PDB file of N, CA and C in Angstrom:
ATOM      1  N   MET A   1     -37.459 136.442  24.803  1.00  0.00           N
ATOM      2  CA  MET A   1     -36.911 136.290  26.407  1.00  0.00           C
ATOM      3  C   MET A   1     -37.874 135.999  26.973  1.00  0.00           C
ATOM      4  N   GLY A   2     -39.321 135.746  26.943  1.00  0.00           N
ATOM      5  CA  GLY A   2     -40.114 135.126  28.060  1.00  0.00           C
ATOM      6  C   GLY A   2     -39.414 134.009  27.931  1.00  0.00           C
ATOM      7  N   GLY A   3     -39.209 132.902  26.990  1.00  0.00           N
ATOM      8  CA  GLY A   3     -38.815 131.764  26.890  1.00  0.00           C
ATOM      9  C   GLY A   3     -40.447 130.721  26.404  1.00  0.00           C
ATOM     10  N   ASN A   4     -40.661 129.621  26.418  1.00  0.00           N
ATOM     11  CA  ASN A   4     -41.537 129.027  26.086  1.00  0.00           C
ATOM     12  C   ASN A   4     -42.134 128.479  27.083  1.00  0.00           C
ATOM     13  N   PRO A   5     -43.601 129.220  27.577  1.00  0.00           N
ATOM     14  CA  PRO A   5     -44.302 128.746  28.021  1.00  0.00           C
ATOM     15  C   PRO A   5     -45.034 127.558  28.845  1.00  0.00           C
ATOM     16  N   LYS A   6     -45.139 126.451  27.345  1.00  0.00           N
ATOM     17  CA  LYS A   6     -45.285 125.295  27.413  1.00  0.00           C
ATOM     18  C   LYS A   6     -44.451 124.387  27.536  1.00  0.00           C
ATOM     19  N   ALA A   7     -43.390 124.693  27.227  1.00  0.00           N
ATOM     20  CA  ALA A   7     -42.010 123.710  28.157  1.00  0.00           C
ATOM     21  C   ALA A   7     -41.987 123.830  29.615  1.00  0.00           C
ATOM     22  N   THR A   8     -42.371 124.579  30.066  1.00  0.00           N
ATOM     23  CA  THR A   8     -42.735 124.779  31.727  1.00  0.00           C
ATOM     24  C   THR A   8     -43.821 123.904  32.345  1.00  0.00           C
ATOM     25  N   PHE A   9     -44.830 124.284  31.338  1.00  0.00           N
ATOM     26  CA  PHE A   9     -46.017 123.341  31.763  1.00  0.00           C
ATOM     27  C   PHE A   9     -45.653 121.689  31.609  1.00  0.00           C
ATOM     28  N   GLU A  10     -45.094 121.425  30.609  1.00  0.00           N
ATOM     29  CA  GLU A  10     -44.683 120.076  30.278  1.00  0.00           C
ATOM     30  C   GLU A  10     -43.753 119.496  31.306  1.00  0.00           C
ATOM     31  N   LYS A  11     -42.913 120.243  31.604  1.00  0.00           N
ATOM     32  CA  LYS A  11     -41.741 119.715  32.936  1.00  0.00           C
ATOM     33  C   LYS A  11     -42.598 119.422  34.092  1.00  0.00           C
ATOM     34  N   ARG A  12     -43.400 120.283  34.504  1.00  0.00           N
ATOM     35  CA  ARG A  12     -44.144 120.291  35.527  1.00  0.00           C
ATOM     36  C   ARG A  12     -44.832 118.818  35.743  1.00  0.00           C
ATOM     37  N   ARG A  13     -45.550 118.688  34.405  1.00  0.00           N
ATOM     38  CA  ARG A  13     -46.602 117.481  34.511  1.00  0.00           C
ATOM     39  C   ARG A  13     -45.648 116.359  34.416  1.00  0.00           C
ATOM     40  N   LYS A  14     -44.629 116.225  33.716  1.00  0.00           N
ATOM     41  CA  LYS A  14     -43.660 115.072  33.747  1.00  0.00           C
ATOM     42  C   LYS A  14     -43.242 114.699  34.641  1.00  0.00           C
ATOM     43  N   GLU A  15     -42.722 116.507  35.961  1.00  0.00           N
ATOM     44  CA  GLU A  15     -42.626 115.487  36.776  1.00  0.00           C
ATOM     45  C   GLU A  15     -43.649 114.912  38.316  1.00  0.00           C
ATOM     46  N   MET A  16     -44.793 115.177  37.697  1.00  0.00           N
ATOM     47  CA  MET A  16     -45.823 115.210  38.590  1.00  0.00           C
ATOM     48  C   MET A  16     -46.203 113.781  38.417  1.00  0.00           C
ATOM     49  N   LYS A  17     -46.003 113.218  37.247  1.00  0.00           N
ATOM     50  CA  LYS A  17     -46.136 111.791  36.835  1.00  0.00           C
ATOM     51  C   LYS A  17     -45.389 110.644  37.078  1.00  0.00           C
ATOM     52  N   ARG A  18     -43.805 111.675  37.283  1.00  0.00           N
ATOM     53  CA  ARG A  18     -42.521 110.777  37.809  1.00  0.00           C
ATOM     54  C   ARG A  18     -43.044 110.702  38.979  1.00  0.00           C
ATOM     55  N   LYS A  19     -43.114 111.087  39.872  1.00  0.00           N
ATOM     56  CA  LYS A  19     -43.268 111.385  41.490  1.00  0.00           C
ATOM     57  C   LYS A  19     -45.200 110.370  41.531  1.00  0.00           C
ATOM     58  N   GLN A  20     -45.912 110.606  40.971  1.00  0.00           N
ATOM     59  CA  GLN A  20     -46.943 109.604  41.297  1.00  0.00           C
ATOM     60  C   GLN A  20     -46.709 108.169  40.764  1.00  0.00           C
ATOM     61  N   LYS A  21     -45.762 107.834  39.956  1.00  0.00           N
ATOM     62  CA  LYS A  21     -45.096 106.254  39.131  1.00  0.00           C
ATOM     63  C   LYS A  21     -44.144 105.997  40.869  1.00  0.00           C
ATOM     64  N   GLN A  22     -43.433 107.009  41.152  1.00  0.00           N
ATOM     65  CA  GLN A  22     -42.742 106.496  42.242  1.00  0.00           C
ATOM     66  C   GLN A  22     -43.778 106.286  43.706  1.00  0.00           C
ATOM     67  N   LYS A  23     -44.513 107.335  44.106  1.00  0.00           N
ATOM     68  CA  LYS A  23     -45.534 106.677  44.728  1.00  0.00           C
ATOM     69  C   LYS A  23     -45.866 105.421  44.557  1.00  0.00           C
ATOM     70  N   GLU A  24     -46.875 104.833  43.766  1.00  0.00           N
ATOM     71  CA  GLU A  24     -47.287 103.528  43.497  1.00  0.00           C
ATOM     72  C   GLU A  24     -46.313 102.650  43.622  1.00  0.00           C
ATOM     73  N   LYS A  25     -45.504 103.099  43.130  1.00  0.00           N
ATOM     74  CA  LYS A  25     -44.432 101.783  43.034  1.00  0.00           C
ATOM     75  C   LYS A  25     -44.080 101.649  44.991  1.00  0.00           C
ATOM     76  N   SER A  26     -43.894 102.701  45.900  1.00  0.00           N
ATOM     77  CA  SER A  26     -43.635 102.719  47.075  1.00  0.00           C
ATOM     78  C   SER A  26     -44.866 101.592  47.969  1.00  0.00           C
ATOM     79  N   GLU A  27     -46.076 101.845  47.534  1.00  0.00           N
ATOM     80  CA  GLU A  27     -47.102 101.394  48.052  1.00  0.00           C
ATOM     81  C   GLU A  27     -47.221  99.848  47.546  1.00  0.00           C
ATOM     82  N   LYS A  28     -46.924  99.815  46.269  1.00  0.00           N
ATOM     83  CA  LYS A  28     -46.645  98.196  46.028  1.00  0.00           C
ATOM     84  C   LYS A  28     -45.924  97.723  46.674  1.00  0.00           C
ATOM     85  N   GLN A  29     -44.301  97.821  47.150  1.00  0.00           N
ATOM     86  CA  GLN A  29     -43.354  97.718  48.022  1.00  0.00           C
ATOM     87  C   GLN A  29     -43.745  97.106  49.206  1.00  0.00           C
ATOM     88  N   LEU A  30     -44.991  97.987  49.972  1.00  0.00           N
ATOM     89  CA  LEU A  30     -45.277  98.069  51.423  1.00  0.00           C
ATOM     90  C   LEU A  30     -46.329  96.821  51.228  1.00  0.00           C
ATOM     91  N   VAL A  31     -47.271  96.311  50.226  1.00  0.00           N
ATOM     92  CA  VAL A  31     -48.138  95.667  49.943  1.00  0.00           C
ATOM     93  C   VAL A  31     -47.311  94.228  50.530  1.00  0.00           C
ATOM     94  N   ARG A  32     -46.060  94.485  49.464  1.00  0.00           N
ATOM     95  CA  ARG A  32     -45.426  93.331  49.407  1.00  0.00           C
ATOM     96  C   ARG A  32     -44.815  92.551  50.860  1.00  0.00           C
ATOM     97  N   LYS A  33     -44.389  93.731  51.163  1.00  0.00           N
ATOM     98  CA  LYS A  33     -43.804  93.322  52.529  1.00  0.00           C
ATOM     99  C   LYS A  33     -44.646  92.788  53.538  1.00  0.00           C
ATOM    100  N   ASP A  34     -45.956  93.570  53.435  1.00  0.00           N
ATOM    101  CA  ASP A  34     -47.165  92.733  54.286  1.00  0.00           C
ATOM    102  C   ASP A  34     -47.684  91.534  54.403  1.00  0.00           C
ATOM    103  N   GLU A  35     -47.557  91.167  52.939  1.00  0.00           N
ATOM    104  CA  GLU A  35     -47.595  89.806  52.493  1.00  0.00           C
ATOM    105  C   GLU A  35     -46.558  88.899  53.001  1.00  0.00           C
ATOM    106  N   LYS A  36     -45.984  89.163  52.832  1.00  0.00           N
ATOM    107  CA  LYS A  36     -44.754  88.480  53.005  1.00  0.00           C
ATOM    108  C   LYS A  36     -44.540  87.920  54.299  1.00  0.00           C
ATOM    109  N   SER A  37     -44.604  89.147  55.260  1.00  0.00           N
ATOM    110  CA  SER A  37     -44.526  88.616  56.235  1.00  0.00           C
ATOM    111  C   SER A  37     -45.646  87.808  56.947  1.00  0.00           C
ATOM    112  N   LYS A  38     -46.837  88.222  56.506  1.00  0.00           N
ATOM    113  CA  LYS A  38     -48.105  87.371  56.757  1.00  0.00           C
ATOM    114  C   LYS A  38     -48.085  85.631  56.847  1.00  0.00           C
ATOM    115  N   VAL A  39     -47.121  85.528  55.445  1.00  0.00           N
ATOM    116  CA  VAL A  39     -46.869  84.236  55.243  1.00  0.00           C
ATOM    117  C   VAL A  39     -45.907  83.284  56.280  1.00  0.00           C
ATOM    118  N   GLY A  40     -44.754  83.959  56.400  1.00  0.00           N
ATOM    119  CA  GLY A  40     -44.255  83.508  57.462  1.00  0.00           C
ATOM    120  C   GLY A  40     -42.944  82.928  56.668  1.00  0.00           C
ATOM    121  N   PRO A  41     -42.107  82.002  57.446  1.00  0.00           N
ATOM    122  CA  PRO A  41     -41.107  81.573  56.571  1.00  0.00           C
ATOM    123  C   PRO A  41     -41.335  80.175  56.395  1.00  0.00           C
ATOM    124  N   HIS A  42     -40.904  79.208  55.442  1.00  0.00           N
ATOM    125  CA  HIS A  42     -41.227  78.056  54.875  1.00  0.00           C
ATOM    126  C   HIS A  42     -40.564  76.917  56.047  1.00  0.00           C
ATOM    127  N   VAL A  43     -41.298  76.161  56.760  1.00  0.00           N
ATOM    128  CA  VAL A  43     -40.679  75.518  57.553  1.00  0.00           C
ATOM    129  C   VAL A  43     -40.645  73.891  57.139  1.00  0.00           C
ATOM    130  N   SER A  44     -42.104  72.940  57.032  1.00  0.00           N
ATOM    131  CA  SER A  44     -42.017  71.770  56.604  1.00  0.00           C
ATOM    132  C   SER A  44     -40.905  71.866  55.300  1.00  0.00           C
ATOM    133  N   GLY A  45     -40.588  70.216  55.096  1.00  0.00           N
ATOM    134  CA  GLY A  45     -40.028  69.545  54.213  1.00  0.00           C
ATOM    135  C   GLY A  45     -40.703  69.918  52.731  1.00  0.00           C
ATOM    136  N   GLU A  46     -41.624  69.970  53.178  1.00  0.00           N
ATOM    137  CA  GLU A  46     -42.381  70.000  51.319  1.00  0.00           C
ATOM    138  C   GLU A  46     -42.121  71.224  50.191  1.00  0.00           C
ATOM    139  N   ASP A  47     -41.277  71.047  49.685  1.00  0.00           N
ATOM    140  CA  ASP A  47     -41.764  72.246  48.522  1.00  0.00           C
ATOM    141  C   ASP A  47     -42.458  72.896  48.277  1.00  0.00           C
ATOM    142  N   PRO A  48     -42.570  74.369  48.452  1.00  0.00           N
ATOM    143  CA  PRO A  48     -44.068  74.962  48.837  1.00  0.00           C
ATOM    144  C   PRO A  48     -44.276  75.118  46.846  1.00  0.00           C
ATOM    145  N   ASP A  49     -43.801  75.398  45.966  1.00  0.00           N
ATOM    146  CA  ASP A  49     -43.855  75.345  44.468  1.00  0.00           C
ATOM    147  C   ASP A  49     -44.771  73.992  44.008  1.00  0.00           C
ATOM    148  N   LEU A  50     -44.488  72.928  45.004  1.00  0.00           N
ATOM    149  CA  LEU A  50     -45.189  71.431  44.759  1.00  0.00           C
ATOM    150  C   LEU A  50     -46.167  71.289  45.262  1.00  0.00           C
ATOM    151  N   ALA A  51     -46.522  72.176  46.529  1.00  0.00           N
ATOM    152  CA  ALA A  51     -47.501  71.631  47.365  1.00  0.00           C
ATOM    153  C   ALA A  51     -49.049  71.656  47.064  1.00  0.00           C
ATOM    154  N   GLY A  52     -49.912  70.332  47.521  1.00  0.00           N
ATOM    155  CA  GLY A  52     -50.926  69.935  46.674  1.00  0.00           C
ATOM    156  C   GLY A  52     -50.937  69.717  45.633  1.00  0.00           C
ATOM    157  N   LEU A  53     -49.638  69.416  44.585  1.00  0.00           N
ATOM    158  CA  LEU A  53     -50.180  69.028  42.887  1.00  0.00           C
ATOM    159  C   LEU A  53     -50.060  67.357  43.641  1.00  0.00           C
ATOM    160  N   VAL A  54     -50.779  66.851  42.550  1.00  0.00           N
ATOM    161  CA  VAL A  54     -51.523  65.345  42.425  1.00  0.00           C
ATOM    162  C   VAL A  54     -50.590  64.852  41.115  1.00  0.00           C
ATOM    163  N   PRO A  55     -50.107  63.669  41.359  1.00  0.00           N
ATOM    164  CA  PRO A  55     -49.374  63.116  39.644  1.00  0.00           C
ATOM    165  C   PRO A  55     -50.293  62.638  39.077  1.00  0.00           C
ATOM    166  N   GLY A  56     -50.462  62.748  37.427  1.00  0.00           N
ATOM    167  CA  GLY A  56     -51.064  62.882  36.750  1.00  0.00           C
ATOM    168  C   GLY A  56     -51.099  61.366  36.874  1.00  0.00           C
ATOM    169  N   PRO A  57     -52.657  60.726  35.426  1.00  0.00           N
ATOM    170  CA  PRO A  57     -52.779  59.469  35.646  1.00  0.00           C
ATOM    171  C   PRO A  57     -51.375  58.756  34.667  1.00  0.00           C
ATOM    172  N   ASN A  58     -50.373  59.468  33.683  1.00  0.00           N
ATOM    173  CA  ASN A  58     -49.180  58.678  33.502  1.00  0.00           C
ATOM    174  C   ASN A  58     -47.828  58.892  34.275  1.00  0.00           C
ATOM    175  N   GLN A  59     -47.940  59.390  35.215  1.00  0.00           N
ATOM    176  CA  GLN A  59     -47.112  59.416  35.937  1.00  0.00           C
ATOM    177  C   GLN A  59     -46.931  58.227  37.299  1.00  0.00           C
ATOM    178  N   PRO A  60     -45.612  57.999  37.796  1.00  0.00           N
ATOM    179  CA  PRO A  60     -46.088  56.502  38.701  1.00  0.00           C
ATOM    180  C   PRO A  60     -45.991  57.386  40.468  1.00  0.00           C
ATOM    181  N   PRO A  61     -46.309  56.444  41.554  1.00  0.00           N
ATOM    182  CA  PRO A  61     -46.663  57.144  42.364  1.00  0.00           C
ATOM    183  C   PRO A  61     -45.032  57.687  42.977  1.00  0.00           C
ATOM    184  N   PRO A  62     -45.020  58.543  43.729  1.00  0.00           N
ATOM    185  CA  PRO A  62     -43.836  59.145  44.304  1.00  0.00           C
ATOM    186  C   PRO A  62     -43.162  58.160  44.846  1.00  0.00           C
ATOM    187  N   GLU A  63     -43.508  56.970  45.492  1.00  0.00           N
ATOM    188  CA  GLU A  63     -42.924  56.104  46.653  1.00  0.00           C
ATOM    189  C   GLU A  63     -42.420  54.774  45.458  1.00  0.00           C
ATOM    190  N   GLU A  64     -42.473  54.640  44.413  1.00  0.00           N
ATOM    191  CA  GLU A  64     -42.540  54.237  43.579  1.00  0.00           C
ATOM    192  C   GLU A  64     -40.951  54.608  42.426  1.00  0.00           C
ATOM    193  N   ALA A  65     -40.816  56.424  42.210  1.00  0.00           N
ATOM    194  CA  ALA A  65     -40.010  56.961  41.753  1.00  0.00           C
ATOM    195  C   ALA A  65     -38.561  56.852  41.915  1.00  0.00           C
TER     196      ALA A  65
END
């Protein structure tokens, strides 16, 4: 009649783990949101993924391509 006390403990531990994971996820989202707001929108005409890259020795200069 008393049931399995281990099951209740396991259930509580599982729920605490789920809440901790959700808390960490929320914190990460806030950090990403703050970083995104600090960077601001991309204004210049240069692609941000290619900014600062220099063509290698086998690549023609961008003016000639």
